[in-house]
């Protein structure tokens, strides 16, 4: 059974994707888009590392 926390995390990531597309769809906001994408890439790298560190736990 998937916990509410995992569902909220996935929902948050999907919502974030929509916000990225919204911000990056405007050429006038290109600088904001680059800053946002850079920050998100760094954050997602941390998330990926955390998931890898806990992979054995996630497989249970």
PDB file of N, CA and C in Angstrom:
ATOM      1  N   UNK A   1       0.840  -1.185   0.000  1.00  0.00           N
ATOM      2  CA  UNK A   1       0.000   0.000   0.000  1.00  0.00           C
ATOM      3  C   UNK A   1       0.889   1.253   0.000  1.00  0.00           C
ATOM      4  N   UNK A   2       0.553   2.193  -0.831  1.00  0.00           N
ATOM      5  CA  UNK A   2       1.325   3.426  -0.947  1.00  0.00           C
ATOM      6  C   UNK A   2       0.853   4.401   0.121  1.00  0.00           C
ATOM      7  N   UNK A   3       1.798   4.970   0.832  1.00  0.00           N
ATOM      8  CA  UNK A   3       1.434   5.896   1.905  1.00  0.00           C
ATOM      9  C   UNK A   3       0.984   7.235   1.333  1.00  0.00           C
ATOM     10  N   UNK A   4       0.241   7.966   2.161  1.00  0.00           N
ATOM     11  CA  UNK A   4      -0.216   9.296   1.772  1.00  0.00           C
ATOM     12  C   UNK A   4       0.972  10.206   1.483  1.00  0.00           C
ATOM     13  N   UNK A   5       2.043  10.039   2.252  1.00  0.00           N
ATOM     14  CA  UNK A   5       3.234  10.864   2.037  1.00  0.00           C
ATOM     15  C   UNK A   5       3.805  10.703   0.641  1.00  0.00           C
ATOM     16  N   UNK A   6       3.854   9.455   0.162  1.00  0.00           N
ATOM     17  CA  UNK A   6       4.374   9.210  -1.193  1.00  0.00           C
ATOM     18  C   UNK A   6       3.452   9.818  -2.235  1.00  0.00           C
ATOM     19  N   UNK A   7       2.145   9.678  -2.024  1.00  0.00           N
ATOM     20  CA  UNK A   7       1.180  10.259  -2.973  1.00  0.00           C
ATOM     21  C   UNK A   7       1.325  11.776  -3.018  1.00  0.00           C
ATOM     22  N   UNK A   8       1.491  12.389  -1.852  1.00  0.00           N
ATOM     23  CA  UNK A   8       1.673  13.836  -1.801  1.00  0.00           C
ATOM     24  C   UNK A   8       2.967  14.251  -2.487  1.00  0.00           C
ATOM     25  N   UNK A   9       4.016  13.455  -2.310  1.00  0.00           N
ATOM     26  CA  UNK A   9       5.299  13.769  -2.943  1.00  0.00           C
ATOM     27  C   UNK A   9       5.175  13.727  -4.459  1.00  0.00           C
ATOM     28  N   UNK A  10       4.533  12.690  -4.976  1.00  0.00           N
ATOM     29  CA  UNK A  10       4.357  12.570  -6.429  1.00  0.00           C
ATOM     30  C   UNK A  10       3.480  13.705  -6.945  1.00  0.00           C
ATOM     31  N   UNK A  11       2.413  14.005  -6.221  1.00  0.00           N
ATOM     32  CA  UNK A  11       1.543  15.115  -6.612  1.00  0.00           C
ATOM     33  C   UNK A  11       2.295  16.434  -6.632  1.00  0.00           C
ATOM     34  N   UNK A  12       3.175  16.620  -5.656  1.00  0.00           N
ATOM     35  CA  UNK A  12       3.978  17.838  -5.605  1.00  0.00           C
ATOM     36  C   UNK A  12       4.914  17.947  -6.789  1.00  0.00           C
ATOM     37  N   UNK A  13       5.510  16.833  -7.172  1.00  0.00           N
ATOM     38  CA  UNK A  13       6.417  16.833  -8.323  1.00  0.00           C
ATOM     39  C   UNK A  13       5.649  17.149  -9.600  1.00  0.00           C
ATOM     40  N   UNK A  14       4.463  16.567  -9.763  1.00  0.00           N
ATOM     41  CA  UNK A  14       3.666  16.843 -10.960  1.00  0.00           C
ATOM     42  C   UNK A  14       3.214  18.298 -10.989  1.00  0.00           C
ATOM     43  N   UNK A  15       2.854  18.840  -9.836  1.00  0.00           N
ATOM     44  CA  UNK A  15       2.474  20.246  -9.757  1.00  0.00           C
ATOM     45  C   UNK A  15       3.647  21.151 -10.097  1.00  0.00           C
ATOM     46  N   UNK A  16       4.824  20.765  -9.653  1.00  0.00           N
ATOM     47  CA  UNK A  16       6.034  21.517  -9.936  1.00  0.00           C
ATOM     48  C   UNK A  16       6.311  21.532 -11.432  1.00  0.00           C
ATOM     49  N   UNK A  17       6.080  20.398 -12.076  1.00  0.00           N
ATOM     50  CA  UNK A  17       6.275  20.325 -13.523  1.00  0.00           C
ATOM     51  C   UNK A  17       5.366  21.326 -14.232  1.00  0.00           C
ATOM     52  N   UNK A  18       4.118  21.417 -13.799  1.00  0.00           N
ATOM     53  CA  UNK A  18       3.178  22.359 -14.406  1.00  0.00           C
ATOM     54  C   UNK A  18       3.641  23.798 -14.197  1.00  0.00           C
ATOM     55  N   UNK A  19       4.161  24.097 -13.018  1.00  0.00           N
ATOM     56  CA  UNK A  19       4.649  25.449 -12.749  1.00  0.00           C
ATOM     57  C   UNK A  19       5.861  25.779 -13.613  1.00  0.00           C
ATOM     58  N   UNK A  20       6.745  24.810 -13.792  1.00  0.00           N
ATOM     59  CA  UNK A  20       7.921  25.025 -14.644  1.00  0.00           C
ATOM     60  C   UNK A  20       7.477  25.351 -16.066  1.00  0.00           C
ATOM     61  N   UNK A  21       6.543  24.566 -16.587  1.00  0.00           N
ATOM     62  CA  UNK A  21       6.067  24.803 -17.949  1.00  0.00           C
ATOM     63  C   UNK A  21       5.421  26.173 -18.068  1.00  0.00           C
ATOM     64  N   UNK A  22       4.678  26.581 -17.036  1.00  0.00           N
ATOM     65  CA  UNK A  22       4.015  27.880 -17.051  1.00  0.00           C
ATOM     66  C   UNK A  22       5.038  29.013 -17.074  1.00  0.00           C
ATOM     67  N   UNK A  23       6.029  28.932 -16.201  1.00  0.00           N
ATOM     68  CA  UNK A  23       7.047  29.983 -16.128  1.00  0.00           C
ATOM     69  C   UNK A  23       7.902  30.007 -17.391  1.00  0.00           C
ATOM     70  N   UNK A  24       8.280  28.836 -17.867  1.00  0.00           N
ATOM     71  CA  UNK A  24       9.201  28.761 -19.003  1.00  0.00           C
ATOM     72  C   UNK A  24       8.515  28.987 -20.346  1.00  0.00           C
ATOM     73  N   UNK A  25       7.185  29.043 -20.362  1.00  0.00           N
ATOM     74  CA  UNK A  25       6.480  29.241 -21.627  1.00  0.00           C
ATOM     75  C   UNK A  25       6.564  30.688 -22.106  1.00  0.00           C
ATOM     76  N   UNK A  26       6.938  31.587 -21.219  1.00  0.00           N
ATOM     77  CA  UNK A  26       7.052  32.990 -21.589  1.00  0.00           C
ATOM     78  C   UNK A  26       8.512  33.340 -21.863  1.00  0.00           C
ATOM     79  N   UNK A  27       8.781  33.801 -23.064  1.00  0.00           N
ATOM     80  CA  UNK A  27      10.157  34.157 -23.432  1.00  0.00           C
ATOM     81  C   UNK A  27      10.686  35.286 -22.552  1.00  0.00           C
ATOM     82  N   UNK A  28       9.793  36.151 -22.078  1.00  0.00           N
ATOM     83  CA  UNK A  28      10.199  37.275 -21.237  1.00  0.00           C
ATOM     84  C   UNK A  28      10.735  36.797 -19.888  1.00  0.00           C
ATOM     85  N   UNK A  29      10.363  35.598 -19.515  1.00  0.00           N
ATOM     86  CA  UNK A  29      10.768  35.074 -18.213  1.00  0.00           C
ATOM     87  C   UNK A  29      11.885  34.045 -18.350  1.00  0.00           C
ATOM     88  N   UNK A  30      12.661  34.137 -19.417  1.00  0.00           N
ATOM     89  CA  UNK A  30      13.695  33.146 -19.682  1.00  0.00           C
ATOM     90  C   UNK A  30      14.707  33.058 -18.542  1.00  0.00           C
ATOM     91  N   UNK A  31      15.117  34.205 -17.981  1.00  0.00           N
ATOM     92  CA  UNK A  31      16.077  34.191 -16.877  1.00  0.00           C
ATOM     93  C   UNK A  31      15.487  33.490 -15.670  1.00  0.00           C
ATOM     94  N   UNK A  32      14.228  33.783 -15.367  1.00  0.00           N
ATOM     95  CA  UNK A  32      13.552  33.108 -14.254  1.00  0.00           C
ATOM     96  C   UNK A  32      13.502  31.611 -14.493  1.00  0.00           C
ATOM     97  N   UNK A  33      13.258  31.233 -15.724  1.00  0.00           N
ATOM     98  CA  UNK A  33      13.171  29.817 -16.081  1.00  0.00           C
ATOM     99  C   UNK A  33      14.504  29.132 -15.829  1.00  0.00           C
ATOM    100  N   UNK A  34      15.590  29.739 -16.260  1.00  0.00           N
ATOM    101  CA  UNK A  34      16.911  29.138 -16.078  1.00  0.00           C
ATOM    102  C   UNK A  34      17.261  28.999 -14.601  1.00  0.00           C
ATOM    103  N   UNK A  35      16.940  30.020 -13.811  1.00  0.00           N
ATOM    104  CA  UNK A  35      17.205  29.963 -12.372  1.00  0.00           C
ATOM    105  C   UNK A  35      16.368  28.866 -11.734  1.00  0.00           C
ATOM    106  N   UNK A  36      15.097  28.814 -12.094  1.00  0.00           N
ATOM    107  CA  UNK A  36      14.187  27.814 -11.537  1.00  0.00           C
ATOM    108  C   UNK A  36      14.630  26.407 -11.896  1.00  0.00           C
ATOM    109  N   UNK A  37      14.941  26.190 -13.160  1.00  0.00           N
ATOM    110  CA  UNK A  37      15.346  24.860 -13.608  1.00  0.00           C
ATOM    111  C   UNK A  37      16.648  24.441 -12.930  1.00  0.00           C
ATOM    112  N   UNK A  38      17.578  25.359 -12.790  1.00  0.00           N
ATOM    113  CA  UNK A  38      18.833  25.041 -12.109  1.00  0.00           C
ATOM    114  C   UNK A  38      18.602  24.636 -10.663  1.00  0.00           C
ATOM    115  N   UNK A  39      17.733  25.375  -9.982  1.00  0.00           N
ATOM    116  CA  UNK A  39      17.426  25.050  -8.587  1.00  0.00           C
ATOM    117  C   UNK A  39      16.739  23.698  -8.479  1.00  0.00           C
ATOM    118  N   UNK A  40      15.819  23.431  -9.384  1.00  0.00           N
ATOM    119  CA  UNK A  40      15.082  22.164  -9.358  1.00  0.00           C
ATOM    120  C   UNK A  40      16.011  21.000  -9.674  1.00  0.00           C
ATOM    121  N   UNK A  41      16.924  21.183 -10.609  1.00  0.00           N
ATOM    122  CA  UNK A  41      17.882  20.120 -10.932  1.00  0.00           C
ATOM    123  C   UNK A  41      18.707  19.745  -9.709  1.00  0.00           C
ATOM    124  N   UNK A  42      19.143  20.751  -8.968  1.00  0.00           N
ATOM    125  CA  UNK A  42      19.899  20.484  -7.748  1.00  0.00           C
ATOM    126  C   UNK A  42      19.067  19.744  -6.723  1.00  0.00           C
ATOM    127  N   UNK A  43      17.812  20.166  -6.577  1.00  0.00           N
ATOM    128  CA  UNK A  43      16.919  19.515  -5.621  1.00  0.00           C
ATOM    129  C   UNK A  43      16.643  18.069  -6.027  1.00  0.00           C
ATOM    130  N   UNK A  44      16.359  17.851  -7.298  1.00  0.00           N
ATOM    131  CA  UNK A  44      16.055  16.496  -7.760  1.00  0.00           C
ATOM    132  C   UNK A  44      17.261  15.574  -7.637  1.00  0.00           C
ATOM    133  N   UNK A  45      18.456  16.121  -7.755  1.00  0.00           N
ATOM    134  CA  UNK A  45      19.666  15.317  -7.541  1.00  0.00           C
ATOM    135  C   UNK A  45      19.716  14.831  -6.093  1.00  0.00           C
ATOM    136  N   UNK A  46      19.340  15.710  -5.159  1.00  0.00           N
ATOM    137  CA  UNK A  46      19.282  15.308  -3.749  1.00  0.00           C
ATOM    138  C   UNK A  46      18.229  14.229  -3.543  1.00  0.00           C
ATOM    139  N   UNK A  47      17.077  14.393  -4.190  1.00  0.00           N
ATOM    140  CA  UNK A  47      16.000  13.404  -4.077  1.00  0.00           C
ATOM    141  C   UNK A  47      16.466  12.064  -4.635  1.00  0.00           C
ATOM    142  N   UNK A  48      17.121  12.083  -5.788  1.00  0.00           N
ATOM    143  CA  UNK A  48      17.611  10.851  -6.405  1.00  0.00           C
ATOM    144  C   UNK A  48      18.598  10.145  -5.483  1.00  0.00           C
ATOM    145  N   UNK A  49      19.492  10.905  -4.888  1.00  0.00           N
ATOM    146  CA  UNK A  49      20.471  10.329  -3.965  1.00  0.00           C
ATOM    147  C   UNK A  49      19.777   9.714  -2.760  1.00  0.00           C
ATOM    148  N   UNK A  50      18.789  10.409  -2.228  1.00  0.00           N
ATOM    149  CA  UNK A  50      18.050   9.891  -1.074  1.00  0.00           C
ATOM    150  C   UNK A  50      17.342   8.595  -1.425  1.00  0.00           C
ATOM    151  N   UNK A  51      16.733   8.548  -2.595  1.00  0.00           N
ATOM    152  CA  UNK A  51      16.031   7.331  -3.018  1.00  0.00           C
ATOM    153  C   UNK A  51      17.020   6.188  -3.187  1.00  0.00           C
ATOM    154  N   UNK A  52      18.153   6.456  -3.799  1.00  0.00           N
ATOM    155  CA  UNK A  52      19.163   5.405  -3.969  1.00  0.00           C
ATOM    156  C   UNK A  52      19.662   4.909  -2.618  1.00  0.00           C
ATOM    157  N   UNK A  53      19.852   5.834  -1.678  1.00  0.00           N
ATOM    158  CA  UNK A  53      20.323   5.458  -0.347  1.00  0.00           C
ATOM    159  C   UNK A  53      19.315   4.581   0.381  1.00  0.00           C
ATOM    160  N   UNK A  54      18.051   4.747   0.053  1.00  0.00           N
ATOM    161  CA  UNK A  54      16.989   4.018   0.747  1.00  0.00           C
ATOM    162  C   UNK A  54      16.327   2.968  -0.137  1.00  0.00           C
ATOM    163  N   UNK A  55      16.981   2.607  -1.228  1.00  0.00           N
ATOM    164  CA  UNK A  55      16.396   1.685  -2.197  1.00  0.00           C
ATOM    165  C   UNK A  55      16.010   0.351  -1.563  1.00  0.00           C
ATOM    166  N   UNK A  56      16.839  -0.192  -0.706  1.00  0.00           N
ATOM    167  CA  UNK A  56      16.509  -1.480  -0.083  1.00  0.00           C
ATOM    168  C   UNK A  56      15.245  -1.351   0.760  1.00  0.00           C
ATOM    169  N   UNK A  57      15.087  -0.213   1.414  1.00  0.00           N
ATOM    170  CA  UNK A  57      13.872   0.025   2.199  1.00  0.00           C
ATOM    171  C   UNK A  57      12.655   0.126   1.282  1.00  0.00           C
ATOM    172  N   UNK A  58      12.826   0.792   0.143  1.00  0.00           N
ATOM    173  CA  UNK A  58      11.702   0.991  -0.773  1.00  0.00           C
ATOM    174  C   UNK A  58      11.241  -0.315  -1.409  1.00  0.00           C
ATOM    175  N   UNK A  59      12.140  -1.294  -1.530  1.00  0.00           N
ATOM    176  CA  UNK A  59      11.781  -2.565  -2.153  1.00  0.00           C
ATOM    177  C   UNK A  59      10.970  -3.460  -1.229  1.00  0.00           C
ATOM    178  N   UNK A  60      10.948  -3.151   0.062  1.00  0.00           N
ATOM    179  CA  UNK A  60      10.225  -4.004   1.021  1.00  0.00           C
ATOM    180  C   UNK A  60       8.727  -3.869   0.856  1.00  0.00           C
TER     181      UNK A  60
END
